[in-house]
Structure formats: C-alpha cells, structure tokens
Amino acid sequence: MGTAAAQPTTLRVGHFPNITHVQALVAHAMSRLGKGWFESRLGPDVKLEWFVYNAGPSAVEAIFANSID
C-alpha cells in the first residue's frame, strides 16, 4: 500500500510597501535573498507568493477575488 505524497501548499501574502508593514517588507526581502524567515518555519511543503499593493482599494479587491490569503 503506497502513501500519498503531500501536496505543496501555496500561501499568498499581500502587503503595502511602507513602514507600517515593515514585518512583511523584511520577510519579503529575505525571501528574495533566499533566506526566507517564514519559509524556514513553515516547512518545505509551503510555498510563499508575495504581492505588493500601493493602495487599500487594490488590496481589498485582491482579498475579495481570493487572490491573496
């Protein structure tokens, strides 16, 4: 009897490029450098996709469209 391989999970993270979202800015930058803070803690079966929004309305649209988690 074989075991089913775990399907990778994608977590889509959106943030604004300003100081009020500094945690996401730093984490996103670390991911680009290959030193992902969240990736190392979430495990190899979780892939992060980063999205940057310049204004609230576009971020809200992305939430309503299920484009980000």
N, C-alpha and C. Protein backbone atom coordinates (compact mmCIF):
# COMPACT_ATOMS: atom_id res chain seq x y z
N MET A 1 0.85 -1.17 0.00
CA MET A 1 0.00 0.00 0.00
C MET A 1 0.89 1.24 0.00
N GLY A 2 0.72 2.12 -0.98
CA GLY A 2 1.56 3.32 -1.10
C GLY A 2 1.01 4.47 -0.27
N THR A 3 1.88 5.39 0.02
CA THR A 3 1.44 6.58 0.73
C THR A 3 1.32 7.73 -0.25
N ALA A 4 0.32 8.54 -0.03
CA ALA A 4 0.10 9.69 -0.91
C ALA A 4 1.11 10.78 -0.57
N ALA A 5 1.69 11.36 -1.59
CA ALA A 5 2.63 12.47 -1.38
C ALA A 5 1.85 13.72 -0.97
N ALA A 6 2.40 14.43 -0.04
CA ALA A 6 1.75 15.66 0.42
C ALA A 6 1.78 16.70 -0.69
N GLN A 7 0.64 17.31 -0.94
CA GLN A 7 0.55 18.37 -1.93
C GLN A 7 1.13 19.65 -1.33
N PRO A 8 1.98 20.35 -2.07
CA PRO A 8 2.50 21.61 -1.54
C PRO A 8 1.38 22.64 -1.36
N THR A 9 1.50 23.43 -0.35
CA THR A 9 0.54 24.49 -0.05
C THR A 9 1.13 25.83 -0.46
N THR A 10 0.36 26.64 -1.13
CA THR A 10 0.81 27.98 -1.50
C THR A 10 0.09 28.99 -0.63
N LEU A 11 0.88 29.85 0.01
CA LEU A 11 0.35 30.91 0.83
C LEU A 11 0.63 32.23 0.13
N ARG A 12 -0.43 32.96 -0.22
CA ARG A 12 -0.30 34.22 -0.98
C ARG A 12 -0.40 35.39 -0.01
N VAL A 13 0.70 36.13 0.13
CA VAL A 13 0.80 37.21 1.10
C VAL A 13 0.84 38.55 0.39
N GLY A 14 -0.02 39.46 0.80
CA GLY A 14 -0.03 40.80 0.24
C GLY A 14 0.36 41.82 1.29
N HIS A 15 1.03 42.88 0.87
CA HIS A 15 1.41 43.94 1.80
C HIS A 15 1.61 45.25 1.07
N PHE A 16 1.68 46.32 1.84
CA PHE A 16 1.96 47.65 1.30
C PHE A 16 3.45 47.93 1.44
N PRO A 17 4.04 48.68 0.51
CA PRO A 17 5.48 48.96 0.57
C PRO A 17 5.80 50.19 1.43
N ASN A 18 5.35 50.16 2.68
CA ASN A 18 5.65 51.29 3.56
C ASN A 18 5.99 50.80 4.96
N ILE A 19 6.41 51.71 5.80
CA ILE A 19 6.93 51.37 7.12
C ILE A 19 5.89 50.71 8.02
N THR A 20 4.61 50.95 7.78
CA THR A 20 3.59 50.32 8.63
C THR A 20 3.49 48.82 8.39
N HIS A 21 4.08 48.35 7.32
CA HIS A 21 4.10 46.92 7.01
C HIS A 21 5.54 46.40 7.03
N VAL A 22 6.32 46.90 7.97
CA VAL A 22 7.75 46.59 8.00
C VAL A 22 8.02 45.10 8.15
N GLN A 23 7.19 44.37 8.88
CA GLN A 23 7.42 42.93 9.04
C GLN A 23 7.35 42.23 7.68
N ALA A 24 6.36 42.58 6.89
CA ALA A 24 6.23 41.97 5.57
C ALA A 24 7.33 42.43 4.64
N LEU A 25 7.73 43.70 4.73
CA LEU A 25 8.82 44.21 3.89
C LEU A 25 10.11 43.43 4.14
N VAL A 26 10.44 43.22 5.41
CA VAL A 26 11.66 42.50 5.76
C VAL A 26 11.55 41.04 5.34
N ALA A 27 10.43 40.40 5.63
CA ALA A 27 10.25 39.00 5.27
C ALA A 27 10.30 38.80 3.76
N HIS A 28 9.69 39.70 3.01
CA HIS A 28 9.70 39.62 1.55
C HIS A 28 11.12 39.78 1.02
N ALA A 29 11.86 40.74 1.57
CA ALA A 29 13.24 40.95 1.16
C ALA A 29 14.10 39.73 1.47
N MET A 30 13.90 39.14 2.63
CA MET A 30 14.67 37.94 2.99
C MET A 30 14.34 36.78 2.05
N SER A 31 13.08 36.67 1.63
CA SER A 31 12.69 35.62 0.68
C SER A 31 13.40 35.81 -0.65
N ARG A 32 13.48 37.07 -1.12
CA ARG A 32 14.16 37.34 -2.38
C ARG A 32 15.64 36.97 -2.30
N LEU A 33 16.23 37.07 -1.12
CA LEU A 33 17.65 36.75 -0.94
C LEU A 33 17.88 35.26 -0.69
N GLY A 34 16.79 34.49 -0.65
CA GLY A 34 16.91 33.06 -0.40
C GLY A 34 17.09 32.71 1.07
N LYS A 35 16.77 33.64 1.95
CA LYS A 35 16.89 33.43 3.39
C LYS A 35 15.54 33.61 4.06
N GLY A 36 14.52 33.02 3.48
CA GLY A 36 13.15 33.25 3.92
C GLY A 36 12.89 32.91 5.37
N TRP A 37 12.44 33.91 6.13
CA TRP A 37 12.13 33.71 7.54
C TRP A 37 10.89 32.83 7.69
N PHE A 38 9.83 33.14 6.98
CA PHE A 38 8.62 32.33 7.06
C PHE A 38 8.83 30.96 6.46
N GLU A 39 9.53 30.90 5.33
CA GLU A 39 9.75 29.62 4.66
C GLU A 39 10.46 28.63 5.57
N SER A 40 11.45 29.10 6.31
CA SER A 40 12.19 28.18 7.18
C SER A 40 11.33 27.67 8.33
N ARG A 41 10.31 28.40 8.71
CA ARG A 41 9.46 28.00 9.82
C ARG A 41 8.22 27.22 9.37
N LEU A 42 7.77 27.47 8.15
CA LEU A 42 6.56 26.80 7.66
C LEU A 42 6.85 25.42 7.07
N GLY A 43 8.09 25.19 6.68
CA GLY A 43 8.48 23.89 6.17
C GLY A 43 8.54 23.83 4.66
N PRO A 44 9.08 22.74 4.16
CA PRO A 44 9.32 22.62 2.71
C PRO A 44 8.06 22.44 1.87
N ASP A 45 6.95 22.09 2.50
CA ASP A 45 5.71 21.87 1.74
C ASP A 45 4.88 23.14 1.57
N VAL A 46 5.41 24.29 2.04
CA VAL A 46 4.69 25.56 1.93
C VAL A 46 5.50 26.51 1.05
N LYS A 47 4.84 27.01 0.02
CA LYS A 47 5.46 27.98 -0.88
C LYS A 47 4.79 29.32 -0.67
N LEU A 48 5.59 30.39 -0.53
CA LEU A 48 5.03 31.73 -0.37
C LEU A 48 5.07 32.48 -1.69
N GLU A 49 3.99 33.18 -1.97
CA GLU A 49 3.94 34.11 -3.10
C GLU A 49 3.66 35.48 -2.51
N TRP A 50 4.48 36.46 -2.88
CA TRP A 50 4.38 37.80 -2.33
C TRP A 50 3.74 38.74 -3.34
N PHE A 51 2.84 39.61 -2.85
CA PHE A 51 2.19 40.60 -3.68
C PHE A 51 2.26 41.95 -2.97
N VAL A 52 2.62 42.99 -3.70
CA VAL A 52 2.74 44.33 -3.15
C VAL A 52 1.61 45.19 -3.72
N TYR A 53 0.92 45.89 -2.84
CA TYR A 53 -0.19 46.76 -3.25
C TYR A 53 0.13 48.19 -2.83
N ASN A 54 -0.14 49.14 -3.73
CA ASN A 54 0.16 50.53 -3.45
C ASN A 54 -0.96 51.26 -2.73
N ALA A 55 -2.15 50.69 -2.74
CA ALA A 55 -3.28 51.37 -2.11
C ALA A 55 -4.28 50.34 -1.59
N GLY A 56 -5.06 50.79 -0.62
CA GLY A 56 -6.05 49.91 0.00
C GLY A 56 -7.07 49.31 -0.94
N PRO A 57 -7.64 50.09 -1.88
CA PRO A 57 -8.66 49.51 -2.74
C PRO A 57 -8.17 48.31 -3.55
N SER A 58 -6.96 48.36 -4.06
CA SER A 58 -6.46 47.22 -4.83
C SER A 58 -6.22 46.01 -3.93
N ALA A 59 -5.81 46.24 -2.69
CA ALA A 59 -5.63 45.13 -1.75
C ALA A 59 -6.97 44.51 -1.39
N VAL A 60 -7.97 45.34 -1.17
CA VAL A 60 -9.31 44.84 -0.85
C VAL A 60 -9.88 44.05 -2.02
N GLU A 61 -9.68 44.54 -3.23
CA GLU A 61 -10.13 43.80 -4.41
C GLU A 61 -9.47 42.43 -4.47
N ALA A 62 -8.19 42.36 -4.15
CA ALA A 62 -7.46 41.08 -4.17
C ALA A 62 -8.03 40.13 -3.12
N ILE A 63 -8.39 40.65 -1.95
CA ILE A 63 -8.99 39.81 -0.91
C ILE A 63 -10.32 39.27 -1.38
N PHE A 64 -11.17 40.15 -1.91
CA PHE A 64 -12.50 39.72 -2.38
C PHE A 64 -12.41 38.75 -3.55
N ALA A 65 -11.37 38.87 -4.37
CA ALA A 65 -11.21 37.98 -5.52
C ALA A 65 -10.47 36.68 -5.14
N ASN A 66 -10.15 36.52 -3.86
CA ASN A 66 -9.39 35.36 -3.38
C ASN A 66 -8.04 35.24 -4.06
N SER A 67 -7.43 36.37 -4.37
CA SER A 67 -6.10 36.38 -4.99
C SER A 67 -4.99 36.31 -3.95
N ILE A 68 -5.30 36.74 -2.73
CA ILE A 68 -4.35 36.63 -1.62
C ILE A 68 -5.05 36.00 -0.43
N ASP A 69 -4.24 35.46 0.46
CA ASP A 69 -4.80 34.81 1.65
C ASP A 69 -4.76 35.78 2.80
